[in-house]
């Protein structure tokens, strides 16, 4: 469960990692691997999940499935929450 929570936090932190980590890494990779502008957010997500995996290994917790699901829920969490809240409000009316 702790690994899942680490992954949720990593997914939610993805937008904040884009500028300080993903963009410089993309610039460094462009000499060898073309990185499109749309792929920088994916690169940030990969960095976040690798960091989450390292933390899970250090704490000896989590599973690959838990990391994948937690990361996806963290990444899409705000959008999912808005959809659920909108649906609840619609059903109340």
C-alpha atoms as a PDB file:
ATOM      1  CA  UNK A   1       0.000   0.000   0.000  1.00  0.00           C
ATOM      2  CA  UNK A   2       2.846   2.377   0.794  1.00  0.00           C
ATOM      3  CA  UNK A   3       4.301   1.810  -2.679  1.00  0.00           C
ATOM      4  CA  UNK A   4       0.930   2.651  -4.223  1.00  0.00           C
ATOM      5  CA  UNK A   5       0.840   5.933  -2.285  1.00  0.00           C
ATOM      6  CA  UNK A   6       4.389   6.758  -3.369  1.00  0.00           C
ATOM      7  CA  UNK A   7       3.319   6.200  -6.981  1.00  0.00           C
ATOM      8  CA  UNK A   8       0.205   8.377  -6.581  1.00  0.00           C
ATOM      9  CA  UNK A   9       2.372  11.207  -5.288  1.00  0.00           C
ATOM     10  CA  UNK A  10       4.838  10.678  -8.143  1.00  0.00           C
ATOM     11  CA  UNK A  11       2.032  10.819 -10.700  1.00  0.00           C
ATOM     12  CA  UNK A  12       0.632  13.983  -9.161  1.00  0.00           C
ATOM     13  CA  UNK A  13       4.117  15.551  -9.103  1.00  0.00           C
ATOM     14  CA  UNK A  14       4.691  14.954 -12.826  1.00  0.00           C
ATOM     15  CA  UNK A  15       3.768  18.496 -14.006  1.00  0.00           C
ATOM     16  CA  UNK A  16       6.130  20.003 -11.434  1.00  0.00           C
ATOM     17  CA  UNK A  17       9.023  17.840 -12.694  1.00  0.00           C
ATOM     18  CA  UNK A  18       8.610  18.897 -16.299  1.00  0.00           C
ATOM     19  CA  UNK A  19      10.564  22.174 -16.194  1.00  0.00           C
ATOM     20  CA  UNK A  20      13.403  21.380 -13.774  1.00  0.00           C
ATOM     21  CA  UNK A  21      14.111  17.781 -14.863  1.00  0.00           C
ATOM     22  CA  UNK A  22      12.394  16.681 -18.068  1.00  0.00           C
ATOM     23  CA  UNK A  23      13.193  19.674 -20.286  1.00  0.00           C
ATOM     24  CA  UNK A  24      16.953  19.640 -19.555  1.00  0.00           C
ATOM     25  CA  UNK A  25      17.020  15.866 -20.054  1.00  0.00           C
ATOM     26  CA  UNK A  26      15.144  16.226 -23.351  1.00  0.00           C
ATOM     27  CA  UNK A  27      17.680  18.847 -24.520  1.00  0.00           C
ATOM     28  CA  UNK A  28      20.536  16.506 -23.612  1.00  0.00           C
ATOM     29  CA  UNK A  29      18.887  13.566 -25.396  1.00  0.00           C
ATOM     30  CA  UNK A  30      18.075  15.492 -28.593  1.00  0.00           C
ATOM     31  CA  UNK A  31      21.611  15.004 -29.878  1.00  0.00           C
ATOM     32  CA  UNK A  32      21.082  11.242 -29.927  1.00  0.00           C
ATOM     33  CA  UNK A  33      17.313  10.692 -29.720  1.00  0.00           C
ATOM     34  CA  UNK A  34      14.736  13.080 -31.162  1.00  0.00           C
ATOM     35  CA  UNK A  35      12.330  14.209 -28.423  1.00  0.00           C
ATOM     36  CA  UNK A  36       9.166  15.972 -29.568  1.00  0.00           C
ATOM     37  CA  UNK A  37       7.730  18.804 -27.489  1.00  0.00           C
ATOM     38  CA  UNK A  38       4.660  16.668 -26.715  1.00  0.00           C
ATOM     39  CA  UNK A  39       6.887  13.956 -25.264  1.00  0.00           C
ATOM     40  CA  UNK A  40       8.427  16.099 -22.532  1.00  0.00           C
ATOM     41  CA  UNK A  41       5.477  15.455 -20.184  1.00  0.00           C
ATOM     42  CA  UNK A  42       5.833  11.711 -20.808  1.00  0.00           C
ATOM     43  CA  UNK A  43       9.525  12.013 -19.986  1.00  0.00           C
ATOM     44  CA  UNK A  44       8.607  13.783 -16.733  1.00  0.00           C
ATOM     45  CA  UNK A  45       6.159  10.967 -15.912  1.00  0.00           C
ATOM     46  CA  UNK A  46       8.871   8.388 -16.562  1.00  0.00           C
ATOM     47  CA  UNK A  47      11.268  10.258 -14.282  1.00  0.00           C
ATOM     48  CA  UNK A  48       8.617  10.402 -11.559  1.00  0.00           C
ATOM     49  CA  UNK A  49       7.880   6.673 -11.800  1.00  0.00           C
ATOM     50  CA  UNK A  50      11.569   5.752 -11.784  1.00  0.00           C
ATOM     51  CA  UNK A  51      11.981   7.844  -8.615  1.00  0.00           C
ATOM     52  CA  UNK A  52       8.920   6.128  -7.137  1.00  0.00           C
ATOM     53  CA  UNK A  53      10.363   2.721  -8.023  1.00  0.00           C
ATOM     54  CA  UNK A  54      13.664   3.592  -6.329  1.00  0.00           C
ATOM     55  CA  UNK A  55      11.826   4.716  -3.190  1.00  0.00           C
ATOM     56  CA  UNK A  56       9.747   1.536  -3.217  1.00  0.00           C
ATOM     57  CA  UNK A  57      12.912  -0.532  -3.520  1.00  0.00           C
ATOM     58  CA  UNK A  58      14.508   1.357  -0.622  1.00  0.00           C
ATOM     59  CA  UNK A  59      11.442   0.812   1.569  1.00  0.00           C
ATOM     60  CA  UNK A  60      10.907  -2.734   0.241  1.00  0.00           C
ATOM     61  CA  UNK A  61       7.279  -2.045  -0.601  1.00  0.00           C
ATOM     62  CA  UNK A  62       4.987  -1.955  -3.611  1.00  0.00           C
ATOM     63  CA  UNK A  63       4.453  -4.029  -6.727  1.00  0.00           C
ATOM     64  CA  UNK A  64       4.819  -3.153 -10.409  1.00  0.00           C
ATOM     65  CA  UNK A  65       1.038  -3.147 -10.806  1.00  0.00           C
ATOM     66  CA  UNK A  66       0.644  -0.890  -7.768  1.00  0.00           C
ATOM     67  CA  UNK A  67       3.220   1.520  -9.180  1.00  0.00           C
ATOM     68  CA  UNK A  68       1.540   1.609 -12.591  1.00  0.00           C
ATOM     69  CA  UNK A  69      -1.999   2.079 -11.242  1.00  0.00           C
ATOM     70  CA  UNK A  70      -0.901   4.546  -8.552  1.00  0.00           C
ATOM     71  CA  UNK A  71       1.098   6.593 -11.024  1.00  0.00           C
ATOM     72  CA  UNK A  72      -1.808   6.736 -13.465  1.00  0.00           C
ATOM     73  CA  UNK A  73      -4.278   7.688 -10.736  1.00  0.00           C
ATOM     74  CA  UNK A  74      -1.919  10.376  -9.464  1.00  0.00           C
ATOM     75  CA  UNK A  75      -1.361  11.747 -12.959  1.00  0.00           C
ATOM     76  CA  UNK A  76      -5.055  11.818 -13.900  1.00  0.00           C
ATOM     77  CA  UNK A  77      -6.346  12.298 -10.335  1.00  0.00           C
ATOM     78  CA  UNK A  78      -7.498  15.911 -10.579  1.00  0.00           C
ATOM     79  CA  UNK A  79      -9.327  15.274 -13.842  1.00  0.00           C
ATOM     80  CA  UNK A  80     -10.943  12.116 -12.480  1.00  0.00           C
ATOM     81  CA  UNK A  81     -12.004  13.973  -9.334  1.00  0.00           C
ATOM     82  CA  UNK A  82     -13.663  16.728 -11.410  1.00  0.00           C
ATOM     83  CA  UNK A  83     -15.556  14.159 -13.506  1.00  0.00           C
ATOM     84  CA  UNK A  84     -16.772  12.345 -10.386  1.00  0.00           C
ATOM     85  CA  UNK A  85     -17.776  15.605  -8.666  1.00  0.00           C
ATOM     86  CA  UNK A  86     -19.629  16.757 -11.803  1.00  0.00           C
ATOM     87  CA  UNK A  87     -21.470  13.424 -12.014  1.00  0.00           C
ATOM     88  CA  UNK A  88     -22.452  13.564  -8.326  1.00  0.00           C
ATOM     89  CA  UNK A  89     -23.770  17.112  -8.780  1.00  0.00           C
ATOM     90  CA  UNK A  90     -25.678  16.063 -11.891  1.00  0.00           C
ATOM     91  CA  UNK A  91     -27.333  13.178 -10.037  1.00  0.00           C
ATOM     92  CA  UNK A  92     -28.285  15.425  -7.120  1.00  0.00           C
ATOM     93  CA  UNK A  93     -30.194  17.752  -9.452  1.00  0.00           C
END
